[in-house]
Amino acid sequence: MIHTTTITTTKSLSPLTLGKYRIAACPRPLPCGRFAAQVSIASGRGSASTARVMRFVDDFSTHDAAAKYAVAQGIDWVNDTLRTHARPNLAAQVPSPQICI
């Protein structure tokens, strides 16, 4: 009898650099045959590095679809973060609404 082994391989995706951030999609296969989207966003180097991993609820029929979604979400997160850091005093510039009782 010849035993067979099934090996599942997934494509390794190159990280995308946006400013000081490295965005890497890391989709993972689900038991049902679909794929979950995950993205890793890292910044800094060595002991000063930070990383966050975001996992998403939606699942996708292909590895590529999950990867594209993850990268898009990572890019959105970085762009929002860069906008916030570019204008940190924006909230202080907007006057508070007057409350009349």
C-alpha atoms as a PDB file:
ATOM      1  CA  MET A   1       0.000   0.000   0.000  1.00  0.00           C
ATOM      2  CA  ILE A   2       1.313   3.460  -0.902  1.00  0.00           C
ATOM      3  CA  HIS A   3       0.578   6.188   1.594  1.00  0.00           C
ATOM      4  CA  THR A   4      -0.066   9.623   0.215  1.00  0.00           C
ATOM      5  CA  THR A   5       0.390  12.895   1.941  1.00  0.00           C
ATOM      6  CA  THR A   6      -1.505  16.007   1.020  1.00  0.00           C
ATOM      7  CA  ILE A   7       0.486  19.177   1.364  1.00  0.00           C
ATOM      8  CA  THR A   8      -1.256  22.508   1.139  1.00  0.00           C
ATOM      9  CA  THR A   9       0.928  25.345  -0.013  1.00  0.00           C
ATOM     10  CA  THR A  10       0.063  28.990  -0.091  1.00  0.00           C
ATOM     11  CA  LYS A  11       1.813  31.715  -1.969  1.00  0.00           C
ATOM     12  CA  SER A  12       4.168  33.845   0.025  1.00  0.00           C
ATOM     13  CA  LEU A  13       3.278  37.486  -0.460  1.00  0.00           C
ATOM     14  CA  SER A  14       5.812  40.291  -0.403  1.00  0.00           C
ATOM     15  CA  PRO A  15       5.180  42.967   2.197  1.00  0.00           C
ATOM     16  CA  LEU A  16       4.148  46.401   0.988  1.00  0.00           C
ATOM     17  CA  THR A  17       5.905  49.442   2.465  1.00  0.00           C
ATOM     18  CA  LEU A  18       3.870  52.583   3.011  1.00  0.00           C
ATOM     19  CA  GLY A  19       5.782  55.301   4.823  1.00  0.00           C
ATOM     20  CA  LYS A  20       7.321  53.742   7.922  1.00  0.00           C
ATOM     21  CA  TYR A  21       4.836  50.838   7.885  1.00  0.00           C
ATOM     22  CA  ARG A  22       5.235  47.351   6.424  1.00  0.00           C
ATOM     23  CA  ILE A  23       1.935  45.762   5.450  1.00  0.00           C
ATOM     24  CA  ALA A  24       1.829  42.011   4.903  1.00  0.00           C
ATOM     25  CA  ALA A  25      -1.233  39.954   4.092  1.00  0.00           C
ATOM     26  CA  CYS A  26      -1.261  36.554   5.749  1.00  0.00           C
ATOM     27  CA  PRO A  27      -4.458  34.746   4.737  1.00  0.00           C
ATOM     28  CA  ARG A  28      -5.071  31.435   6.434  1.00  0.00           C
ATOM     29  CA  PRO A  29      -7.046  28.453   5.206  1.00  0.00           C
ATOM     30  CA  LEU A  30     -10.222  27.553   7.060  1.00  0.00           C
ATOM     31  CA  PRO A  31     -11.408  23.963   7.637  1.00  0.00           C
ATOM     32  CA  CYS A  32     -14.297  24.538   5.200  1.00  0.00           C
ATOM     33  CA  GLY A  33     -11.882  25.240   2.323  1.00  0.00           C
ATOM     34  CA  ARG A  34     -12.309  29.001   2.325  1.00  0.00           C
ATOM     35  CA  PHE A  35      -9.766  31.586   3.514  1.00  0.00           C
ATOM     36  CA  ALA A  36      -9.716  34.082   6.375  1.00  0.00           C
ATOM     37  CA  ALA A  37      -8.090  37.453   5.799  1.00  0.00           C
ATOM     38  CA  GLN A  38      -5.396  38.683   8.175  1.00  0.00           C
ATOM     39  CA  VAL A  39      -2.955  41.555   7.856  1.00  0.00           C
ATOM     40  CA  SER A  40       0.202  42.351   9.778  1.00  0.00           C
ATOM     41  CA  ILE A  41       1.249  45.991  10.085  1.00  0.00           C
ATOM     42  CA  ALA A  42       4.731  46.567  11.462  1.00  0.00           C
ATOM     43  CA  SER A  43       6.870  49.630  12.045  1.00  0.00           C
ATOM     44  CA  GLY A  44      10.251  50.371  13.535  1.00  0.00           C
ATOM     45  CA  ARG A  45      13.320  48.180  13.746  1.00  0.00           C
ATOM     46  CA  GLY A  46      14.920  45.916  16.306  1.00  0.00           C
ATOM     47  CA  SER A  47      13.848  46.431  19.897  1.00  0.00           C
ATOM     48  CA  ALA A  48      11.936  49.566  18.874  1.00  0.00           C
ATOM     49  CA  SER A  49       9.645  47.688  16.507  1.00  0.00           C
ATOM     50  CA  THR A  50       5.927  47.256  16.930  1.00  0.00           C
ATOM     51  CA  ALA A  51       3.511  45.051  15.054  1.00  0.00           C
ATOM     52  CA  ARG A  52      -0.193  44.507  15.035  1.00  0.00           C
ATOM     53  CA  VAL A  53      -2.190  41.755  13.381  1.00  0.00           C
ATOM     54  CA  MET A  54      -5.779  42.316  12.369  1.00  0.00           C
ATOM     55  CA  ARG A  55      -8.077  39.387  11.682  1.00  0.00           C
ATOM     56  CA  PHE A  56     -11.322  39.887   9.815  1.00  0.00           C
ATOM     57  CA  VAL A  57     -14.696  38.154  10.140  1.00  0.00           C
ATOM     58  CA  ASP A  58     -15.406  37.766   6.420  1.00  0.00           C
ATOM     59  CA  ASP A  59     -14.133  34.669   4.634  1.00  0.00           C
ATOM     60  CA  PHE A  60     -13.137  34.371   0.987  1.00  0.00           C
ATOM     61  CA  SER A  61     -13.251  31.682  -1.665  1.00  0.00           C
ATOM     62  CA  THR A  62      -9.610  32.140  -2.707  1.00  0.00           C
ATOM     63  CA  HIS A  63      -6.281  32.867  -1.084  1.00  0.00           C
ATOM     64  CA  ASP A  64      -5.773  35.843  -3.421  1.00  0.00           C
ATOM     65  CA  ALA A  65      -9.147  37.387  -2.579  1.00  0.00           C
ATOM     66  CA  ALA A  66      -8.402  37.176   1.145  1.00  0.00           C
ATOM     67  CA  ALA A  67      -4.932  38.660   0.576  1.00  0.00           C
ATOM     68  CA  LYS A  68      -6.257  41.574  -1.494  1.00  0.00           C
ATOM     69  CA  TYR A  69      -8.875  42.375   1.144  1.00  0.00           C
ATOM     70  CA  ALA A  70      -6.281  42.210   3.938  1.00  0.00           C
ATOM     71  CA  VAL A  71      -3.854  44.515   2.097  1.00  0.00           C
ATOM     72  CA  ALA A  72      -6.638  47.002   1.329  1.00  0.00           C
ATOM     73  CA  GLN A  73      -7.629  47.075   5.012  1.00  0.00           C
ATOM     74  CA  GLY A  74      -3.988  47.522   6.024  1.00  0.00           C
ATOM     75  CA  ILE A  75      -3.548  50.416   3.598  1.00  0.00           C
ATOM     76  CA  ASP A  76      -6.717  52.062   4.935  1.00  0.00           C
ATOM     77  CA  TRP A  77      -5.460  51.694   8.514  1.00  0.00           C
ATOM     78  CA  VAL A  78      -2.066  53.217   7.657  1.00  0.00           C
ATOM     79  CA  ASN A  79      -3.644  56.104   5.720  1.00  0.00           C
ATOM     80  CA  ASP A  80      -5.993  56.868   8.638  1.00  0.00           C
ATOM     81  CA  THR A  81      -3.047  56.757  11.043  1.00  0.00           C
ATOM     82  CA  LEU A  82      -0.928  59.037   8.857  1.00  0.00           C
ATOM     83  CA  ARG A  83      -3.803  61.537   8.555  1.00  0.00           C
ATOM     84  CA  THR A  84      -4.276  61.537  12.325  1.00  0.00           C
ATOM     85  CA  HIS A  85      -0.559  62.110  12.956  1.00  0.00           C
ATOM     86  CA  ALA A  86      -0.398  64.838  10.303  1.00  0.00           C
ATOM     87  CA  ARG A  87      -3.075  66.857  12.113  1.00  0.00           C
ATOM     88  CA  PRO A  88      -2.825  65.930  15.814  1.00  0.00           C
ATOM     89  CA  ASN A  89      -4.304  69.202  17.068  1.00  0.00           C
ATOM     90  CA  LEU A  90      -7.334  69.150  14.800  1.00  0.00           C
ATOM     91  CA  ALA A  91      -9.671  68.312  17.696  1.00  0.00           C
ATOM     92  CA  ALA A  92      -8.257  71.211  19.719  1.00  0.00           C
ATOM     93  CA  GLN A  93      -8.951  73.630  16.837  1.00  0.00           C
ATOM     94  CA  VAL A  94     -12.636  72.745  16.575  1.00  0.00           C
ATOM     95  CA  PRO A  95     -14.633  74.700  19.143  1.00  0.00           C
ATOM     96  CA  SER A  96     -16.900  72.726  21.436  1.00  0.00           C
ATOM     97  CA  PRO A  97     -20.615  73.217  20.826  1.00  0.00           C
ATOM     98  CA  GLN A  98     -22.359  75.455  23.364  1.00  0.00           C
ATOM     99  CA  ILE A  99     -24.836  73.685  25.595  1.00  0.00           C
ATOM    100  CA  CYS A 100     -27.858  75.748  26.562  1.00  0.00           C
ATOM    101  CA  ILE A 101     -30.153  74.608  29.324  1.00  0.00           C
END
